[in-house]
Amino acid sequence: MVRIALEFLRESRMELKKVKWPTRKELLASTAVVIGLTLVISLFLGLIDFGLIKIIKNLVG
């Protein structure tokens, strides 16, 4: 069991060496895109929610 775990860890380390990690600039750009899209989608959903609440309030009472 221990031998299998050690083999897995060795193979995992070899695979991680093959990964092309993003540069700091690429990471910051990707993070900015994710944050920006999150804000836009949140605003969009908030406006839809606000509109639906107004419609339901007008229909109910």
PDB file of N, CA and C in Angstrom:
ATOM      1  N   MET A   1       0.826  -1.196   0.000  1.00  0.00           N
ATOM      2  CA  MET A   1       0.000   0.000   0.000  1.00  0.00           C
ATOM      3  C   MET A   1       0.869   1.258   0.000  1.00  0.00           C
ATOM      4  N   VAL A   2       1.906   1.252   0.836  1.00  0.00           N
ATOM      5  CA  VAL A   2       2.813   2.402   0.894  1.00  0.00           C
ATOM      6  C   VAL A   2       3.557   2.542  -0.423  1.00  0.00           C
ATOM      7  N   ARG A   3       3.927   1.406  -1.015  1.00  0.00           N
ATOM      8  CA  ARG A   3       4.654   1.432  -2.288  1.00  0.00           C
ATOM      9  C   ARG A   3       3.795   2.067  -3.380  1.00  0.00           C
ATOM     10  N   ILE A   4       2.517   1.762  -3.382  1.00  0.00           N
ATOM     11  CA  ILE A   4       1.605   2.333  -4.376  1.00  0.00           C
ATOM     12  C   ILE A   4       1.491   3.843  -4.182  1.00  0.00           C
ATOM     13  N   ALA A   5       1.392   4.278  -2.929  1.00  0.00           N
ATOM     14  CA  ALA A   5       1.295   5.715  -2.644  1.00  0.00           C
ATOM     15  C   ALA A   5       2.566   6.435  -3.067  1.00  0.00           C
ATOM     16  N   LEU A   6       3.729   5.850  -2.786  1.00  0.00           N
ATOM     17  CA  LEU A   6       4.995   6.477  -3.179  1.00  0.00           C
ATOM     18  C   LEU A   6       5.129   6.551  -4.696  1.00  0.00           C
ATOM     19  N   GLU A   7       4.696   5.512  -5.386  1.00  0.00           N
ATOM     20  CA  GLU A   7       4.730   5.508  -6.853  1.00  0.00           C
ATOM     21  C   GLU A   7       3.821   6.605  -7.407  1.00  0.00           C
ATOM     22  N   PHE A   8       2.650   6.748  -6.823  1.00  0.00           N
ATOM     23  CA  PHE A   8       1.724   7.802  -7.242  1.00  0.00           C
ATOM     24  C   PHE A   8       2.353   9.180  -7.049  1.00  0.00           C
ATOM     25  N   LEU A   9       2.970   9.414  -5.902  1.00  0.00           N
ATOM     26  CA  LEU A   9       3.607  10.707  -5.636  1.00  0.00           C
ATOM     27  C   LEU A   9       4.749  10.982  -6.612  1.00  0.00           C
ATOM     28  N   ARG A  10       5.536   9.955  -6.931  1.00  0.00           N
ATOM     29  CA  ARG A  10       6.642  10.126  -7.878  1.00  0.00           C
ATOM     30  C   ARG A  10       6.105  10.488  -9.261  1.00  0.00           C
ATOM     31  N   GLU A  11       5.080   9.784  -9.707  1.00  0.00           N
ATOM     32  CA  GLU A  11       4.495  10.070 -11.019  1.00  0.00           C
ATOM     33  C   GLU A  11       3.835  11.449 -11.046  1.00  0.00           C
ATOM     34  N   SER A  12       3.212  11.829  -9.944  1.00  0.00           N
ATOM     35  CA  SER A  12       2.590  13.154  -9.867  1.00  0.00           C
ATOM     36  C   SER A  12       3.640  14.246  -9.985  1.00  0.00           C
ATOM     37  N   ARG A  13       4.761  14.069  -9.320  1.00  0.00           N
ATOM     38  CA  ARG A  13       5.842  15.054  -9.394  1.00  0.00           C
ATOM     39  C   ARG A  13       6.359  15.170 -10.827  1.00  0.00           C
ATOM     40  N   MET A  14       6.485  14.035 -11.518  1.00  0.00           N
ATOM     41  CA  MET A  14       6.957  14.066 -12.907  1.00  0.00           C
ATOM     42  C   MET A  14       5.969  14.823 -13.794  1.00  0.00           C
ATOM     43  N   GLU A  15       4.686  14.623 -13.583  1.00  0.00           N
ATOM     44  CA  GLU A  15       3.672  15.322 -14.379  1.00  0.00           C
ATOM     45  C   GLU A  15       3.674  16.820 -14.087  1.00  0.00           C
ATOM     46  N   LEU A  16       3.862  17.194 -12.836  1.00  0.00           N
ATOM     47  CA  LEU A  16       3.882  18.617 -12.484  1.00  0.00           C
ATOM     48  C   LEU A  16       5.062  19.344 -13.122  1.00  0.00           C
ATOM     49  N   LYS A  17       6.147  18.631 -13.382  1.00  0.00           N
ATOM     50  CA  LYS A  17       7.293  19.254 -14.052  1.00  0.00           C
ATOM     51  C   LYS A  17       6.976  19.584 -15.509  1.00  0.00           C
ATOM     52  N   LYS A  18       5.987  18.906 -16.092  1.00  0.00           N
ATOM     53  CA  LYS A  18       5.614  19.129 -17.490  1.00  0.00           C
ATOM     54  C   LYS A  18       4.656  20.309 -17.663  1.00  0.00           C
ATOM     55  N   VAL A  19       4.087  20.780 -16.577  1.00  0.00           N
ATOM     56  CA  VAL A  19       3.082  21.841 -16.644  1.00  0.00           C
ATOM     57  C   VAL A  19       3.736  23.162 -17.020  1.00  0.00           C
ATOM     58  N   LYS A  20       3.082  23.913 -17.924  1.00  0.00           N
ATOM     59  CA  LYS A  20       3.537  25.265 -18.245  1.00  0.00           C
ATOM     60  C   LYS A  20       2.752  26.210 -17.353  1.00  0.00           C
ATOM     61  N   TRP A  21       3.392  26.687 -16.300  1.00  0.00           N
ATOM     62  CA  TRP A  21       2.738  27.565 -15.344  1.00  0.00           C
ATOM     63  C   TRP A  21       2.626  28.965 -15.929  1.00  0.00           C
ATOM     64  N   PRO A  22       1.536  29.679 -15.655  1.00  0.00           N
ATOM     65  CA  PRO A  22       1.375  31.036 -16.200  1.00  0.00           C
ATOM     66  C   PRO A  22       2.364  32.009 -15.562  1.00  0.00           C
ATOM     67  N   THR A  23       2.729  33.018 -16.343  1.00  0.00           N
ATOM     68  CA  THR A  23       3.577  34.073 -15.790  1.00  0.00           C
ATOM     69  C   THR A  23       2.727  34.943 -14.869  1.00  0.00           C
ATOM     70  N   ARG A  24       3.390  35.796 -14.111  1.00  0.00           N
ATOM     71  CA  ARG A  24       2.657  36.688 -13.207  1.00  0.00           C
ATOM     72  C   ARG A  24       1.708  37.590 -14.001  1.00  0.00           C
ATOM     73  N   LYS A  25       2.181  38.065 -15.159  1.00  0.00           N
ATOM     74  CA  LYS A  25       1.362  38.941 -15.998  1.00  0.00           C
ATOM     75  C   LYS A  25       0.116  38.201 -16.502  1.00  0.00           C
ATOM     76  N   GLU A  26       0.288  36.966 -16.970  1.00  0.00           N
ATOM     77  CA  GLU A  26      -0.845  36.168 -17.442  1.00  0.00           C
ATOM     78  C   GLU A  26      -1.825  35.884 -16.307  1.00  0.00           C
ATOM     79  N   LEU A  27      -1.286  35.594 -15.134  1.00  0.00           N
ATOM     80  CA  LEU A  27      -2.133  35.301 -13.978  1.00  0.00           C
ATOM     81  C   LEU A  27      -2.967  36.511 -13.581  1.00  0.00           C
ATOM     82  N   LEU A  28      -2.338  37.688 -13.546  1.00  0.00           N
ATOM     83  CA  LEU A  28      -3.063  38.907 -13.185  1.00  0.00           C
ATOM     84  C   LEU A  28      -4.122  39.254 -14.230  1.00  0.00           C
ATOM     85  N   ALA A  29      -3.794  39.055 -15.506  1.00  0.00           N
ATOM     86  CA  ALA A  29      -4.762  39.341 -16.571  1.00  0.00           C
ATOM     87  C   ALA A  29      -5.964  38.398 -16.469  1.00  0.00           C
ATOM     88  N   SER A  30      -5.715  37.128 -16.256  1.00  0.00           N
ATOM     89  CA  SER A  30      -6.807  36.160 -16.121  1.00  0.00           C
ATOM     90  C   SER A  30      -7.660  36.464 -14.896  1.00  0.00           C
ATOM     91  N   THR A  31      -7.020  36.823 -13.808  1.00  0.00           N
ATOM     92  CA  THR A  31      -7.746  37.164 -12.586  1.00  0.00           C
ATOM     93  C   THR A  31      -8.629  38.381 -12.806  1.00  0.00           C
ATOM     94  N   ALA A  32      -8.111  39.385 -13.510  1.00  0.00           N
ATOM     95  CA  ALA A  32      -8.892  40.590 -13.793  1.00  0.00           C
ATOM     96  C   ALA A  32     -10.116  40.254 -14.645  1.00  0.00           C
ATOM     97  N   VAL A  33      -9.951  39.373 -15.615  1.00  0.00           N
ATOM     98  CA  VAL A  33     -11.076  38.971 -16.466  1.00  0.00           C
ATOM     99  C   VAL A  33     -12.140  38.263 -15.630  1.00  0.00           C
ATOM    100  N   VAL A  34     -11.719  37.359 -14.763  1.00  0.00           N
ATOM    101  CA  VAL A  34     -12.676  36.622 -13.925  1.00  0.00           C
ATOM    102  C   VAL A  34     -13.428  37.576 -12.998  1.00  0.00           C
ATOM    103  N   ILE A  35     -12.713  38.489 -12.360  1.00  0.00           N
ATOM    104  CA  ILE A  35     -13.362  39.448 -11.456  1.00  0.00           C
ATOM    105  C   ILE A  35     -14.315  40.351 -12.234  1.00  0.00           C
ATOM    106  N   GLY A  36     -13.880  40.829 -13.398  1.00  0.00           N
ATOM    107  CA  GLY A  36     -14.726  41.695 -14.217  1.00  0.00           C
ATOM    108  C   GLY A  36     -16.007  41.001 -14.653  1.00  0.00           C
ATOM    109  N   LEU A  37     -15.881  39.779 -15.158  1.00  0.00           N
ATOM    110  CA  LEU A  37     -17.073  39.040 -15.589  1.00  0.00           C
ATOM    111  C   LEU A  37     -17.988  38.718 -14.415  1.00  0.00           C
ATOM    112  N   THR A  38     -17.410  38.431 -13.268  1.00  0.00           N
ATOM    113  CA  THR A  38     -18.218  38.166 -12.075  1.00  0.00           C
ATOM    114  C   THR A  38     -19.041  39.388 -11.703  1.00  0.00           C
ATOM    115  N   LEU A  39     -18.430  40.560 -11.761  1.00  0.00           N
ATOM    116  CA  LEU A  39     -19.153  41.792 -11.445  1.00  0.00           C
ATOM    117  C   LEU A  39     -20.269  42.067 -12.454  1.00  0.00           C
ATOM    118  N   VAL A  40     -19.977  41.882 -13.733  1.00  0.00           N
ATOM    119  CA  VAL A  40     -20.979  42.129 -14.777  1.00  0.00           C
ATOM    120  C   VAL A  40     -22.161  41.173 -14.627  1.00  0.00           C
ATOM    121  N   ILE A  41     -21.886  39.897 -14.430  1.00  0.00           N
ATOM    122  CA  ILE A  41     -22.963  38.914 -14.286  1.00  0.00           C
ATOM    123  C   ILE A  41     -23.761  39.175 -13.014  1.00  0.00           C
ATOM    124  N   SER A  42     -23.084  39.556 -11.927  1.00  0.00           N
ATOM    125  CA  SER A  42     -23.789  39.871 -10.676  1.00  0.00           C
ATOM    126  C   SER A  42     -24.722  41.056 -10.862  1.00  0.00           C
ATOM    127  N   LEU A  43     -24.253  42.084 -11.541  1.00  0.00           N
ATOM    128  CA  LEU A  43     -25.084  43.251 -11.804  1.00  0.00           C
ATOM    129  C   LEU A  43     -26.291  42.871 -12.662  1.00  0.00           C
ATOM    130  N   PHE A  44     -26.058  42.097 -13.698  1.00  0.00           N
ATOM    131  CA  PHE A  44     -27.131  41.648 -14.583  1.00  0.00           C
ATOM    132  C   PHE A  44     -28.191  40.866 -13.809  1.00  0.00           C
ATOM    133  N   LEU A  45     -27.759  39.896 -13.012  1.00  0.00           N
ATOM    134  CA  LEU A  45     -28.712  39.092 -12.246  1.00  0.00           C
ATOM    135  C   LEU A  45     -29.429  39.927 -11.193  1.00  0.00           C
ATOM    136  N   GLY A  46     -28.734  40.890 -10.594  1.00  0.00           N
ATOM    137  CA  GLY A  46     -29.369  41.775  -9.626  1.00  0.00           C
ATOM    138  C   GLY A  46     -30.460  42.611 -10.261  1.00  0.00           C
ATOM    139  N   LEU A  47     -30.205  43.116 -11.469  1.00  0.00           N
ATOM    140  CA  LEU A  47     -31.221  43.901 -12.175  1.00  0.00           C
ATOM    141  C   LEU A  47     -32.435  43.050 -12.547  1.00  0.00           C
ATOM    142  N   ILE A  48     -32.190  41.834 -12.996  1.00  0.00           N
ATOM    143  CA  ILE A  48     -33.304  40.934 -13.312  1.00  0.00           C
ATOM    144  C   ILE A  48     -34.112  40.646 -12.051  1.00  0.00           C
ATOM    145  N   ASP A  49     -33.444  40.377 -10.948  1.00  0.00           N
ATOM    146  CA  ASP A  49     -34.122  40.109  -9.680  1.00  0.00           C
ATOM    147  C   ASP A  49     -34.961  41.309  -9.254  1.00  0.00           C
ATOM    148  N   PHE A  50     -34.382  42.490  -9.339  1.00  0.00           N
ATOM    149  CA  PHE A  50     -35.097  43.717  -8.974  1.00  0.00           C
ATOM    150  C   PHE A  50     -36.345  43.893  -9.841  1.00  0.00           C
ATOM    151  N   GLY A  51     -36.195  43.675 -11.140  1.00  0.00           N
ATOM    152  CA  GLY A  51     -37.325  43.810 -12.061  1.00  0.00           C
ATOM    153  C   GLY A  51     -38.423  42.800 -11.783  1.00  0.00           C
ATOM    154  N   LEU A  52     -38.043  41.559 -11.536  1.00  0.00           N
ATOM    155  CA  LEU A  52     -39.047  40.534 -11.251  1.00  0.00           C
ATOM    156  C   LEU A  52     -39.777  40.815  -9.942  1.00  0.00           C
ATOM    157  N   ILE A  53     -39.070  41.318  -8.946  1.00  0.00           N
ATOM    158  CA  ILE A  53     -39.724  41.675  -7.681  1.00  0.00           C
ATOM    159  C   ILE A  53     -40.758  42.770  -7.914  1.00  0.00           C
ATOM    160  N   LYS A  54     -40.404  43.779  -8.707  1.00  0.00           N
ATOM    161  CA  LYS A  54     -41.349  44.862  -9.016  1.00  0.00           C
ATOM    162  C   LYS A  54     -42.584  44.317  -9.739  1.00  0.00           C
ATOM    163  N   ILE A  55     -42.369  43.451 -10.716  1.00  0.00           N
ATOM    164  CA  ILE A  55     -43.484  42.876 -11.473  1.00  0.00           C
ATOM    165  C   ILE A  55     -44.398  42.070 -10.552  1.00  0.00           C
ATOM    166  N   ILE A  56     -43.823  41.230  -9.716  1.00  0.00           N
ATOM    167  CA  ILE A  56     -44.626  40.395  -8.813  1.00  0.00           C
ATOM    168  C   ILE A  56     -45.389  41.254  -7.810  1.00  0.00           C
ATOM    169  N   LYS A  57     -44.753  42.301  -7.286  1.00  0.00           N
ATOM    170  CA  LYS A  57     -45.449  43.189  -6.346  1.00  0.00           C
ATOM    171  C   LYS A  57     -46.634  43.875  -7.022  1.00  0.00           C
ATOM    172  N   ASN A  58     -46.478  44.271  -8.274  1.00  0.00           N
ATOM    173  CA  ASN A  58     -47.581  44.902  -9.005  1.00  0.00           C
ATOM    174  C   ASN A  58     -48.714  43.914  -9.275  1.00  0.00           C
ATOM    175  N   LEU A  59     -48.379  42.662  -9.548  1.00  0.00           N
ATOM    176  CA  LEU A  59     -49.403  41.658  -9.812  1.00  0.00           C
ATOM    177  C   LEU A  59     -50.143  41.253  -8.538  1.00  0.00           C
ATOM    178  N   VAL A  60     -49.431  41.149  -7.443  1.00  0.00           N
ATOM    179  CA  VAL A  60     -50.022  40.668  -6.193  1.00  0.00           C
ATOM    180  C   VAL A  60     -50.770  41.773  -5.470  1.00  0.00           C
ATOM    181  N   GLY A  61     -50.225  42.927  -5.456  1.00  0.00           N
ATOM    182  CA  GLY A  61     -50.954  43.886  -4.659  1.00  0.00           C
ATOM    183  C   GLY A  61     -50.467  45.257  -4.802  1.00  0.00           C
TER     184      GLY A  61
END
